[in-house]
C-alpha atoms as a PDB file:
ATOM      1  CA  MET A   1      -7.590 -50.869  19.014  1.00  0.00           C
ATOM      2  CA  GLY A   2      -9.189 -49.215  16.005  1.00  0.00           C
ATOM      3  CA  GLY A   3     -10.320 -45.641  15.553  1.00  0.00           C
ATOM      4  CA  ALA A   4     -13.936 -46.443  16.480  1.00  0.00           C
ATOM      5  CA  ALA A   5     -12.857 -48.061  19.740  1.00  0.00           C
ATOM      6  CA  LEU A   6     -10.677 -45.038  20.552  1.00  0.00           C
ATOM      7  CA  ALA A   7     -13.670 -42.730  20.007  1.00  0.00           C
ATOM      8  CA  VAL A   8     -15.796 -44.768  22.421  1.00  0.00           C
ATOM      9  CA  GLU A   9     -12.957 -45.084  24.948  1.00  0.00           C
ATOM     10  CA  LEU A  10     -12.182 -41.358  25.097  1.00  0.00           C
ATOM     11  CA  GLU A  11     -15.544 -39.788  24.286  1.00  0.00           C
ATOM     12  CA  GLY A  12     -15.010 -37.689  21.208  1.00  0.00           C
ATOM     13  CA  LEU A  13     -11.219 -37.577  21.160  1.00  0.00           C
ATOM     14  CA  GLU A  14     -11.225 -38.676  17.502  1.00  0.00           C
ATOM     15  CA  SER A  15     -12.759 -35.381  16.378  1.00  0.00           C
ATOM     16  CA  ARG A  16     -10.363 -33.431  18.597  1.00  0.00           C
ATOM     17  CA  LEU A  17      -7.385 -35.302  17.135  1.00  0.00           C
ATOM     18  CA  ALA A  18      -8.626 -34.702  13.592  1.00  0.00           C
ATOM     19  CA  ALA A  19      -8.817 -30.959  14.281  1.00  0.00           C
ATOM     20  CA  LEU A  20      -5.510 -30.762  16.180  1.00  0.00           C
ATOM     21  CA  PRO A  21      -3.125 -30.050  13.246  1.00  0.00           C
ATOM     22  CA  ASP A  22      -5.269 -27.179  11.956  1.00  0.00           C
ATOM     23  CA  ARG A  23      -5.746 -25.749  15.436  1.00  0.00           C
ATOM     24  CA  VAL A  24      -2.056 -25.914  16.380  1.00  0.00           C
ATOM     25  CA  ASN A  25      -0.794 -24.798  12.965  1.00  0.00           C
ATOM     26  CA  GLY A  26      -3.216 -21.858  13.082  1.00  0.00           C
ATOM     27  CA  ASP A  27      -2.160 -20.722  16.570  1.00  0.00           C
ATOM     28  CA  ALA A  28       0.423 -17.950  16.116  1.00  0.00           C
ATOM     29  CA  VAL A  29       1.465 -18.050  19.787  1.00  0.00           C
ATOM     30  CA  LEU A  30       2.183 -21.790  19.659  1.00  0.00           C
ATOM     31  CA  LEU A  31       4.055 -21.478  16.372  1.00  0.00           C
ATOM     32  CA  ARG A  32       6.263 -18.795  17.892  1.00  0.00           C
ATOM     33  CA  ARG A  33       6.891 -20.922  21.004  1.00  0.00           C
ATOM     34  CA  GLY A  34       7.687 -23.999  18.957  1.00  0.00           C
ATOM     35  CA  ARG A  35       9.517 -22.389  16.040  1.00  0.00           C
ATOM     36  CA  TYR A  36      12.731 -24.313  16.810  1.00  0.00           C
ATOM     37  CA  LEU A  37      11.048 -27.572  17.804  1.00  0.00           C
ATOM     38  CA  ASN A  38      11.581 -30.563  15.531  1.00  0.00           C
ATOM     39  CA  THR A  39      10.593 -33.825  17.186  1.00  0.00           C
ATOM     40  CA  THR A  40       8.300 -36.818  17.173  1.00  0.00           C
ATOM     41  CA  ALA A  41       6.079 -37.448  20.183  1.00  0.00           C
ATOM     42  CA  GLN A  42       3.771 -40.312  20.991  1.00  0.00           C
ATOM     43  CA  LEU A  43       0.626 -40.068  23.107  1.00  0.00           C
ATOM     44  CA  ASP A  44      -0.537 -43.437  24.433  1.00  0.00           C
ATOM     45  CA  PHE A  45      -4.169 -43.814  25.529  1.00  0.00           C
ATOM     46  CA  GLY A  46      -4.055 -47.333  26.939  1.00  0.00           C
ATOM     47  CA  GLU A  47      -4.053 -49.597  23.863  1.00  0.00           C
ATOM     48  CA  ALA A  48      -4.387 -46.732  21.367  1.00  0.00           C
ATOM     49  CA  SER A  49      -1.677 -44.258  20.449  1.00  0.00           C
ATOM     50  CA  VAL A  50      -1.033 -41.195  18.330  1.00  0.00           C
ATOM     51  CA  LEU A  51       2.267 -40.181  16.776  1.00  0.00           C
ATOM     52  CA  LEU A  52       2.846 -36.442  16.301  1.00  0.00           C
ATOM     53  CA  ARG A  53       5.620 -35.323  13.970  1.00  0.00           C
ATOM     54  CA  ILE A  54       6.498 -31.706  14.697  1.00  0.00           C
ATOM     55  CA  GLY A  55       8.537 -29.563  12.303  1.00  0.00           C
ATOM     56  CA  ASP A  56       9.360 -25.970  13.298  1.00  0.00           C
ATOM     57  CA  GLY A  57       6.424 -26.026  15.717  1.00  0.00           C
ATOM     58  CA  ARG A  58       3.898 -27.199  13.124  1.00  0.00           C
ATOM     59  CA  ILE A  59       2.214 -30.570  13.274  1.00  0.00           C
ATOM     60  CA  ALA A  60       3.516 -32.062  10.044  1.00  0.00           C
ATOM     61  CA  GLU A  61       1.842 -35.436  10.578  1.00  0.00           C
ATOM     62  CA  LEU A  62      -0.596 -36.982  13.007  1.00  0.00           C
ATOM     63  CA  GLN A  63      -0.724 -40.755  12.748  1.00  0.00           C
ATOM     64  CA  ARG A  64      -3.263 -42.750  14.750  1.00  0.00           C
ATOM     65  CA  ASN A  65      -2.235 -46.192  15.964  1.00  0.00           C
ATOM     66  CA  PRO A  66       1.135 -46.179  14.181  1.00  0.00           C
ATOM     67  CA  SER A  67       2.538 -49.374  12.739  1.00  0.00           C
ATOM     68  CA  VAL A  68       4.471 -52.101  14.469  1.00  0.00           C
ATOM     69  CA  MET A  69       7.452 -50.182  15.864  1.00  0.00           C
ATOM     70  CA  PRO A  70       6.832 -46.442  15.844  1.00  0.00           C
ATOM     71  CA  SER A  71       9.827 -44.272  16.557  1.00  0.00           C
ATOM     72  CA  ALA A  72       9.335 -41.277  18.834  1.00  0.00           C
ATOM     73  CA  ASP A  73      11.670 -39.063  20.832  1.00  0.00           C
ATOM     74  CA  PHE A  74       9.380 -39.303  23.846  1.00  0.00           C
ATOM     75  CA  ALA A  75       5.992 -40.688  24.816  1.00  0.00           C
ATOM     76  CA  ILE A  76       3.331 -39.637  27.283  1.00  0.00           C
ATOM     77  CA  ILE A  77       1.597 -42.785  28.512  1.00  0.00           C
ATOM     78  CA  GLY A  78      -1.610 -43.160  30.457  1.00  0.00           C
ATOM     79  CA  GLU A  79      -4.794 -45.151  30.734  1.00  0.00           C
ATOM     80  CA  PRO A  80      -7.914 -43.832  28.966  1.00  0.00           C
ATOM     81  CA  ALA A  81      -9.601 -42.944  32.279  1.00  0.00           C
ATOM     82  CA  ILE A  82      -6.654 -40.735  33.242  1.00  0.00           C
ATOM     83  CA  TRP A  83      -6.603 -38.995  29.843  1.00  0.00           C
ATOM     84  CA  ARG A  84     -10.368 -38.485  30.117  1.00  0.00           C
ATOM     85  CA  ARG A  85      -9.862 -36.661  33.425  1.00  0.00           C
ATOM     86  CA  PHE A  86      -6.949 -34.611  32.077  1.00  0.00           C
ATOM     87  CA  LEU A  87      -8.773 -33.614  28.868  1.00  0.00           C
ATOM     88  CA  ALA A  88     -12.083 -32.733  30.531  1.00  0.00           C
ATOM     89  CA  ALA A  89     -13.439 -29.345  29.412  1.00  0.00           C
ATOM     90  CA  ASP A  90     -13.264 -27.991  32.976  1.00  0.00           C
ATOM     91  CA  PRO A  91     -11.001 -30.320  34.995  1.00  0.00           C
ATOM     92  CA  PRO A  92     -11.056 -30.106  38.790  1.00  0.00           C
ATOM     93  CA  PRO A  93      -7.996 -28.850  40.681  1.00  0.00           C
ATOM     94  CA  GLY A  94      -5.164 -31.347  40.397  1.00  0.00           C
ATOM     95  CA  ASP A  95      -6.435 -32.715  37.092  1.00  0.00           C
ATOM     96  CA  HIS A  96      -5.630 -29.622  35.028  1.00  0.00           C
ATOM     97  CA  ASP A  97      -1.872 -29.981  34.640  1.00  0.00           C
ATOM     98  CA  LEU A  98       0.331 -32.639  33.071  1.00  0.00           C
ATOM     99  CA  PHE A  99       2.794 -32.496  35.963  1.00  0.00           C
ATOM    100  CA  ALA A 100       0.097 -33.117  38.549  1.00  0.00           C
ATOM    101  CA  PHE A 101      -0.615 -36.442  36.856  1.00  0.00           C
ATOM    102  CA  LEU A 102       3.108 -37.185  36.559  1.00  0.00           C
ATOM    103  CA  LYS A 103       3.635 -36.440  40.253  1.00  0.00           C
ATOM    104  CA  ARG A 104       0.844 -38.861  41.192  1.00  0.00           C
ATOM    105  CA  ARG A 105       2.288 -41.402  38.710  1.00  0.00           C
ATOM    106  CA  GLU A 106      -0.965 -41.591  36.775  1.00  0.00           C
ATOM    107  CA  LEU A 107       0.787 -40.560  33.544  1.00  0.00           C
ATOM    108  CA  ARG A 108       4.335 -41.467  32.549  1.00  0.00           C
ATOM    109  CA  VAL A 109       6.794 -39.777  30.236  1.00  0.00           C
ATOM    110  CA  VAL A 110       9.499 -41.953  28.713  1.00  0.00           C
ATOM    111  CA  GLY A 111      12.289 -41.203  26.274  1.00  0.00           C
ATOM    112  CA  ASP A 112      14.222 -38.001  25.645  1.00  0.00           C
ATOM    113  CA  LEU A 113      12.668 -35.340  27.882  1.00  0.00           C
ATOM    114  CA  HIS A 114      14.560 -32.440  26.291  1.00  0.00           C
ATOM    115  CA  PRO A 115      11.992 -31.722  23.510  1.00  0.00           C
ATOM    116  CA  LEU A 116       9.235 -31.729  26.127  1.00  0.00           C
ATOM    117  CA  MET A 117      10.933 -29.704  28.848  1.00  0.00           C
ATOM    118  CA  SER A 118      12.626 -27.138  26.600  1.00  0.00           C
ATOM    119  CA  HIS A 119       9.282 -26.362  24.920  1.00  0.00           C
ATOM    120  CA  LEU A 120       6.961 -26.970  27.858  1.00  0.00           C
ATOM    121  CA  LEU A 121       4.597 -24.061  27.169  1.00  0.00           C
ATOM    122  CA  TYR A 122       4.277 -25.264  23.581  1.00  0.00           C
ATOM    123  CA  TRP A 123       3.249 -28.764  24.705  1.00  0.00           C
ATOM    124  CA  LYS A 124       0.836 -27.408  27.291  1.00  0.00           C
ATOM    125  CA  GLY A 125      -0.765 -25.383  24.490  1.00  0.00           C
ATOM    126  CA  VAL A 126      -0.994 -28.418  22.218  1.00  0.00           C
ATOM    127  CA  LEU A 127      -2.645 -30.448  24.957  1.00  0.00           C
ATOM    128  CA  ALA A 128      -4.978 -27.529  25.712  1.00  0.00           C
ATOM    129  CA  HIS A 129      -6.151 -27.688  22.081  1.00  0.00           C
ATOM    130  CA  LEU A 130      -7.038 -31.330  22.714  1.00  0.00           C
ATOM    131  CA  ARG A 131      -8.979 -30.297  25.810  1.00  0.00           C
ATOM    132  CA  ASP A 132     -11.079 -27.631  24.104  1.00  0.00           C
ATOM    133  CA  ALA A 133     -13.917 -28.655  21.856  1.00  0.00           C
ATOM    134  CA  PRO A 134     -13.192 -27.832  18.184  1.00  0.00           C
ATOM    135  CA  ARG A 135     -14.632 -24.455  17.211  1.00  0.00           C
END
């Protein structure tokens, strides 16, 4: 699935993804929370995916639809409709938290959970930057 299809599928997520490195790297609170985090994470939106390379809490690289066999420490996987609900500007109760979706088995996390769980507030902040419209 190409970038244009991802934009249609997730209603404006392309612009949010494009702004994500600047927003995260400019957030002093997130940089402090993630200062010891060095990992690669993959977000799967149905057929589309994004690879985030994190170095000392900064997004060093954001790669859309990575090549044949991307390597990531962990992946968060969900269908576009689920991500759309999670990333809504004002989600209803139960759709506001990653773990609510995991509990209902609407999103899955696979791989090494340590980089996610040991820096949970960091990841919640990163995902919150995806939820907010770019300023």
